[in-house]
Amino acid sequence: MPRPWPLVCLADRELLQQRSQQLGLSVALSDYHRGEPIAAASGTLSVLHQPLAVPGAAGRLESGNARCVLRLIDRAVDGCLAGEFAAVVTAPVQKSLINDAGMPFTGHTEYIAARTGAPLPVMMLTAARLRVALATTHLPLREVSAALHVDTLLQILRILAGGLHRYFGVPQPRIAVCGLNPHAGEGGHLGDEEQRIIGPAIARARAEQLAVEGPMPADTLFVPRHWAGYDAVLAMYHDQGLPVLKYAGFGHAVNVTLGLPIVRTSVDHGTALDLAGSGRADAGSLIAAVELAAQMAAQPERI
């Protein structure tokens, strides 16, 4: 059946053709040209050809293609900023490939934020009713505490509440905030970040009429009967919140970046090089990311 929205794939056209033949897939590829009709029928795909510098092979990293990966992201983001595209959906990227080629790269989230001039991107993963946002993203654990600041946490809470309202239709989002330390610091005996940073940020958010509660111990907050009363959870670092969400929804969860001037979603997993070219990779999260991007892009402006 035809897709309900136009879809453009930015990739090397020849690589897609080779891979579809290798896997025995019947896909009709057509070249994308702005302003012309976009293929929407079942078994068709419009491709904005972005040639690789070095021929690609399934599951093999080619450092010579690192700049091509960044150019793909740039073209998609620039298309959104120009109104050519309504949203961008990113597939997983091998960060080490780009870094090993001599270009600093911590992830799509940070790179797209810099490209769009967004001062503070907020990474949020969603799986059905469970939504988890992150106060810090791709940082070594030893650097997390120093990266937490009252003003920054307050801004993250504003962006999270605004994004839930704007894109998910939640009138007054209820947000639960994790502590950083075990037992949320145990009254200062297991760390004082809750008292010095997280608690004051929550107090300021509540003074602005945001429905925010915490800091709460992460090990009990993620008990279903506790988080069910909230529209989102703000975790302090990557592996505090995401293992729970991925356990609950791996394969259909979606990564959303809030705080950008464009709509951007992504998958909830990495590159899975061991599955590349095998035909055994699960496309569930990518499909969910495309569907959510389309829904977000179609949302009306809300006051």
Protein backbone atom coordinates (compact mmCIF):
# COMPACT_ATOMS: atom_id res chain seq x y z
CA MET A 1 0.00 0.00 0.00
CA PRO A 2 1.24 3.55 -0.65
CA ARG A 3 2.93 5.48 2.16
CA PRO A 4 0.83 8.25 3.74
CA TRP A 5 3.79 10.67 3.52
CA PRO A 6 6.61 11.25 1.01
CA LEU A 7 9.94 9.67 1.96
CA VAL A 8 13.37 10.54 0.58
CA CYS A 9 16.41 8.37 1.33
CA LEU A 10 19.79 10.11 1.32
CA ALA A 11 22.36 7.49 0.38
CA ASP A 12 24.63 6.17 -2.34
CA ARG A 13 22.16 4.98 -4.99
CA GLU A 14 24.49 2.29 -6.35
CA LEU A 15 25.08 0.89 -2.87
CA LEU A 16 21.34 0.63 -2.25
CA GLN A 17 20.86 -1.08 -5.60
CA GLN A 18 23.63 -3.58 -4.90
CA ARG A 19 22.32 -4.34 -1.42
CA SER A 20 18.74 -4.84 -2.59
CA GLN A 21 19.94 -7.29 -5.26
CA GLN A 22 22.15 -9.08 -2.74
CA LEU A 23 19.19 -9.57 -0.40
CA GLY A 24 16.74 -10.42 -3.16
CA LEU A 25 14.55 -7.40 -2.52
CA SER A 26 12.34 -5.97 -5.22
CA VAL A 27 12.78 -2.21 -4.81
CA ALA A 28 12.37 0.35 -7.57
CA LEU A 29 14.75 3.25 -6.92
CA SER A 30 14.07 6.66 -8.43
CA ASP A 31 16.17 9.81 -8.30
CA TYR A 32 14.91 12.61 -6.07
CA HIS A 33 14.63 16.09 -7.55
CA ARG A 34 13.23 18.93 -5.50
CA GLY A 35 9.80 20.00 -6.67
CA GLU A 36 9.10 16.77 -8.52
CA PRO A 37 6.74 13.99 -7.33
CA ILE A 38 8.23 11.62 -4.75
CA ALA A 39 7.72 7.89 -5.14
CA ALA A 40 5.19 6.68 -2.57
CA ALA A 41 3.95 3.36 -3.92
CA SER A 42 4.80 0.12 -2.19
CA GLY A 43 8.17 -1.22 -3.36
CA THR A 44 9.47 2.18 -4.48
CA LEU A 45 11.98 4.55 -2.93
CA SER A 46 13.11 8.06 -3.87
CA VAL A 47 16.85 8.45 -3.41
CA LEU A 48 18.85 11.65 -3.12
CA HIS A 49 22.12 10.27 -4.42
CA GLN A 50 25.10 11.03 -2.19
CA PRO A 51 28.08 9.11 -3.59
CA LEU A 52 30.57 7.36 -1.37
CA ALA A 53 34.25 8.17 -1.74
CA VAL A 54 35.23 4.52 -1.34
CA PRO A 55 33.07 1.52 -2.36
CA GLY A 56 31.22 0.17 0.66
CA ALA A 57 30.87 -3.43 1.76
CA ALA A 58 28.40 -4.77 4.32
CA GLY A 59 29.85 -4.78 7.84
CA ARG A 60 33.18 -3.24 6.82
CA LEU A 61 34.21 0.21 8.02
CA GLU A 62 35.91 2.50 5.48
CA SER A 63 37.61 5.54 6.98
CA GLY A 64 37.65 7.08 3.52
CA ASN A 65 33.87 7.49 3.77
CA ALA A 66 33.88 9.36 7.10
CA ARG A 67 33.41 12.76 5.46
CA CYS A 68 30.65 11.30 3.30
CA VAL A 69 28.75 10.36 6.44
CA LEU A 70 28.95 13.93 7.72
CA ARG A 71 27.92 15.29 4.32
CA LEU A 72 24.82 13.09 4.44
CA ILE A 73 23.85 14.60 7.79
CA ASP A 74 24.61 18.12 6.56
CA ARG A 75 22.46 17.72 3.44
CA ALA A 76 19.50 16.38 5.41
CA VAL A 77 19.70 19.08 8.07
CA ASP A 78 20.19 21.88 5.55
CA GLY A 79 17.14 20.57 3.66
CA CYS A 80 15.06 20.82 6.83
CA LEU A 81 16.30 24.33 7.61
CA ALA A 82 15.43 25.43 4.07
CA GLY A 83 11.92 23.95 4.25
CA GLU A 84 12.72 21.31 1.63
CA PHE A 85 12.18 18.49 4.14
CA ALA A 86 9.74 18.34 7.04
CA ALA A 87 11.94 16.20 9.29
CA VAL A 88 15.14 14.18 9.35
CA VAL A 89 15.42 10.57 10.51
CA THR A 90 18.96 9.39 11.12
CA ALA A 91 20.16 5.82 10.90
CA PRO A 92 22.86 4.66 13.34
CA VAL A 93 26.37 5.91 12.73
CA GLN A 94 29.71 4.38 13.71
CA LYS A 95 31.23 7.21 15.78
CA SER A 96 34.65 5.57 15.88
CA LEU A 97 34.88 5.71 12.08
CA ILE A 98 34.59 9.50 12.09
CA ASN A 99 36.87 10.01 15.08
CA ASP A 100 39.51 7.68 13.66
CA ALA A 101 39.46 9.75 10.47
CA GLY A 102 40.53 12.76 12.51
CA MET A 103 37.18 14.54 12.90
CA PRO A 104 35.86 14.99 16.46
CA PHE A 105 32.35 13.54 16.67
CA THR A 106 30.40 12.61 19.81
CA GLY A 107 27.11 11.81 18.11
CA HIS A 108 24.26 12.92 15.87
CA THR A 109 22.60 14.87 18.69
CA GLU A 110 25.52 17.19 19.33
CA TYR A 111 26.51 17.47 15.67
CA ILE A 112 23.02 18.44 14.48
CA ALA A 113 22.66 20.92 17.33
CA ALA A 114 25.86 22.65 16.23
CA ARG A 115 24.75 22.57 12.59
CA THR A 116 21.41 24.22 13.42
CA GLY A 117 22.77 26.66 15.99
CA ALA A 118 20.78 25.08 18.82
CA PRO A 119 22.51 25.92 22.12
CA LEU A 120 21.11 23.04 24.15
CA PRO A 121 19.82 19.86 22.49
CA VAL A 122 17.89 17.46 24.72
CA MET A 123 18.05 13.76 23.91
CA MET A 124 14.84 11.87 24.71
CA LEU A 125 13.97 8.27 23.96
CA THR A 126 10.37 7.18 23.85
CA ALA A 127 8.71 3.77 23.85
CA ALA A 128 4.92 3.99 24.09
CA ARG A 129 4.17 5.84 27.36
CA LEU A 130 7.71 5.68 28.74
CA ARG A 131 9.82 8.70 27.81
CA VAL A 132 13.32 9.26 29.17
CA ALA A 133 15.32 12.43 28.58
CA LEU A 134 18.98 12.94 29.46
CA ALA A 135 20.65 15.80 31.31
CA THR A 136 24.00 14.74 29.81
CA THR A 137 24.54 12.58 26.75
CA HIS A 138 27.81 11.10 25.51
CA LEU A 139 30.16 11.80 28.38
CA PRO A 140 32.53 9.58 30.33
CA LEU A 141 30.95 8.81 33.69
CA ARG A 142 33.70 10.62 35.60
CA GLU A 143 32.75 13.89 33.84
CA VAL A 144 29.01 13.82 34.52
CA SER A 145 28.99 15.54 37.91
CA ALA A 146 31.04 18.49 36.69
CA ALA A 147 28.71 18.86 33.68
CA LEU A 148 25.62 19.40 35.84
CA HIS A 149 24.63 23.01 36.55
CA VAL A 150 21.48 24.56 38.00
CA ASP A 151 20.87 26.90 35.06
CA THR A 152 21.45 24.15 32.49
CA LEU A 153 19.12 21.69 34.24
CA LEU A 154 16.45 24.37 34.44
CA GLN A 155 16.74 25.03 30.71
CA ILE A 156 16.59 21.29 29.97
CA LEU A 157 13.39 21.03 32.00
CA ARG A 158 11.91 23.96 30.05
CA ILE A 159 12.85 22.36 26.72
CA LEU A 160 11.52 18.95 27.80
CA ALA A 161 8.21 20.38 28.99
CA GLY A 162 7.89 22.50 25.85
CA GLY A 163 8.67 19.57 23.56
CA LEU A 164 6.14 17.31 25.25
CA HIS A 165 3.52 20.02 24.82
CA ARG A 166 4.47 20.99 21.25
CA TYR A 167 5.00 17.57 19.70
CA PHE A 168 3.15 15.12 21.94
CA GLY A 169 0.11 17.19 22.88
CA VAL A 170 0.62 16.99 26.66
CA PRO A 171 -1.08 20.10 28.14
CA GLN A 172 0.97 20.31 31.35
CA PRO A 173 3.72 17.71 31.30
CA ARG A 174 4.57 15.96 34.56
CA ILE A 175 8.30 15.34 34.81
CA ALA A 176 10.14 13.18 37.33
CA VAL A 177 13.82 13.93 37.87
CA CYS A 178 16.39 11.32 38.89
CA GLY A 179 19.08 12.01 41.43
CA LEU A 180 22.67 11.46 40.39
CA ASN A 181 23.83 9.33 43.30
CA PRO A 182 22.51 6.09 44.83
CA HIS A 183 19.41 6.78 46.93
CA ALA A 184 19.43 10.33 45.50
CA GLY A 185 22.43 11.14 47.69
CA GLU A 186 21.03 9.77 50.96
CA GLY A 187 20.64 13.25 52.42
CA GLY A 188 24.15 14.25 51.38
CA HIS A 189 25.91 11.16 52.72
CA LEU A 190 26.35 9.63 49.24
CA GLY A 191 27.03 12.83 47.33
CA ASP A 192 25.72 16.39 47.44
CA GLU A 193 24.79 17.05 43.79
CA GLU A 194 21.12 16.58 44.67
CA GLN A 195 21.32 19.32 47.29
CA ARG A 196 23.62 21.71 45.43
CA ILE A 197 22.39 21.37 41.84
CA ILE A 198 19.45 19.12 41.07
CA GLY A 199 17.16 20.19 43.91
CA PRO A 200 17.63 23.95 43.30
CA ALA A 201 16.98 23.48 39.57
CA ILE A 202 13.74 21.65 40.35
CA ALA A 203 12.70 24.40 42.78
CA ARG A 204 13.23 27.06 40.12
CA ALA A 205 11.27 25.01 37.58
CA ARG A 206 8.38 24.65 40.00
CA ALA A 207 8.47 28.41 40.61
CA GLU A 208 7.86 28.75 36.85
CA GLN A 209 4.77 26.53 37.21
CA LEU A 210 6.41 23.47 35.64
CA ALA A 211 5.12 20.18 37.07
CA VAL A 212 8.46 18.74 38.15
CA GLU A 213 9.23 16.40 41.06
CA GLY A 214 12.46 15.03 42.50
CA PRO A 215 15.28 14.35 42.81
CA MET A 216 14.26 10.71 43.13
CA PRO A 217 16.36 7.53 43.41
CA ALA A 218 16.55 6.07 39.90
CA ASP A 219 16.30 2.48 41.11
CA THR A 220 12.81 3.05 42.54
CA LEU A 221 11.60 5.74 40.13
CA PHE A 222 11.66 3.28 37.25
CA VAL A 223 9.35 0.86 39.02
CA PRO A 224 6.31 0.92 36.67
CA ARG A 225 3.81 2.05 39.29
CA HIS A 226 5.99 5.07 40.03
CA TRP A 227 6.88 6.34 36.55
CA ALA A 228 3.34 5.69 35.29
CA GLY A 229 2.28 8.92 36.96
CA TYR A 230 4.64 11.01 34.82
CA ASP A 231 4.86 12.03 31.19
CA ALA A 232 8.66 11.86 31.14
CA VAL A 233 11.66 11.11 33.31
CA LEU A 234 14.84 13.21 33.27
CA ALA A 235 17.89 11.03 33.94
CA MET A 236 21.25 12.55 34.79
CA TYR A 237 23.37 10.46 32.42
CA HIS A 238 23.14 8.12 29.47
CA ASP A 239 23.29 4.74 31.18
CA GLN A 240 21.11 5.76 34.10
CA GLY A 241 17.93 6.03 32.06
CA LEU A 242 18.41 4.32 28.72
CA PRO A 243 18.94 0.70 29.85
CA VAL A 244 15.48 0.76 31.42
CA LEU A 245 13.84 2.20 28.33
CA LYS A 246 15.63 -0.15 25.96
CA TYR A 247 14.68 -3.13 28.08
CA ALA A 248 11.05 -2.03 27.95
CA GLY A 249 10.94 -1.12 24.27
CA PHE A 250 14.02 -2.18 22.33
CA GLY A 251 13.24 -2.54 18.65
CA HIS A 252 10.39 -0.04 18.64
CA ALA A 253 11.76 2.80 20.78
CA VAL A 254 12.64 6.10 19.10
CA ASN A 255 15.36 8.65 19.84
CA VAL A 256 14.05 12.24 19.63
CA THR A 257 16.13 15.41 19.84
CA LEU A 258 14.27 18.30 21.46
CA GLY A 259 15.50 21.89 21.48
CA LEU A 260 16.25 21.99 17.74
CA PRO A 261 14.64 24.26 15.14
CA ILE A 262 13.86 21.09 13.12
CA VAL A 263 12.26 17.72 13.79
CA ARG A 264 14.82 14.95 14.22
CA THR A 265 14.30 11.35 15.25
CA SER A 266 16.51 8.29 15.15
CA VAL A 267 16.68 4.62 16.02
CA ASP A 268 17.29 3.26 19.52
CA HIS A 269 20.28 1.10 18.57
CA GLY A 270 23.75 1.12 17.05
CA THR A 271 25.16 -0.05 13.75
CA ALA A 272 25.13 -3.82 14.42
CA LEU A 273 27.95 -4.45 11.97
CA ASP A 274 27.65 -8.19 12.55
CA LEU A 275 24.17 -8.12 11.01
CA ALA A 276 24.97 -5.85 8.07
CA GLY A 277 24.04 -7.45 4.75
CA SER A 278 22.56 -10.53 6.41
CA GLY A 279 18.89 -9.66 5.98
CA ARG A 280 18.37 -10.43 9.69
CA ALA A 281 18.43 -6.87 11.04
CA ASP A 282 15.19 -5.70 12.67
CA ALA A 283 13.89 -2.51 11.05
CA GLY A 284 11.24 -1.94 13.72
CA SER A 285 12.90 1.03 15.40
CA LEU A 286 13.66 2.73 12.07
CA ILE A 287 10.05 2.35 10.96
CA ALA A 288 8.88 3.73 14.31
CA ALA A 289 11.31 6.66 13.98
CA VAL A 290 9.99 7.54 10.52
CA GLU A 291 6.38 7.31 11.68
CA LEU A 292 7.03 9.46 14.76
CA ALA A 293 8.92 12.07 12.71
CA ALA A 294 5.95 12.33 10.37
CA GLN A 295 3.57 12.73 13.32
CA MET A 296 5.75 15.37 14.96
CA ALA A 297 6.15 17.34 11.74
CA ALA A 298 2.37 17.37 11.28
CA GLN A 299 1.64 18.75 14.76
CA PRO A 300 0.05 22.21 14.82
CA GLU A 301 1.70 25.05 16.67
CA ARG A 302 0.49 25.14 20.29
CA ILE A 303 0.52 28.10 22.65
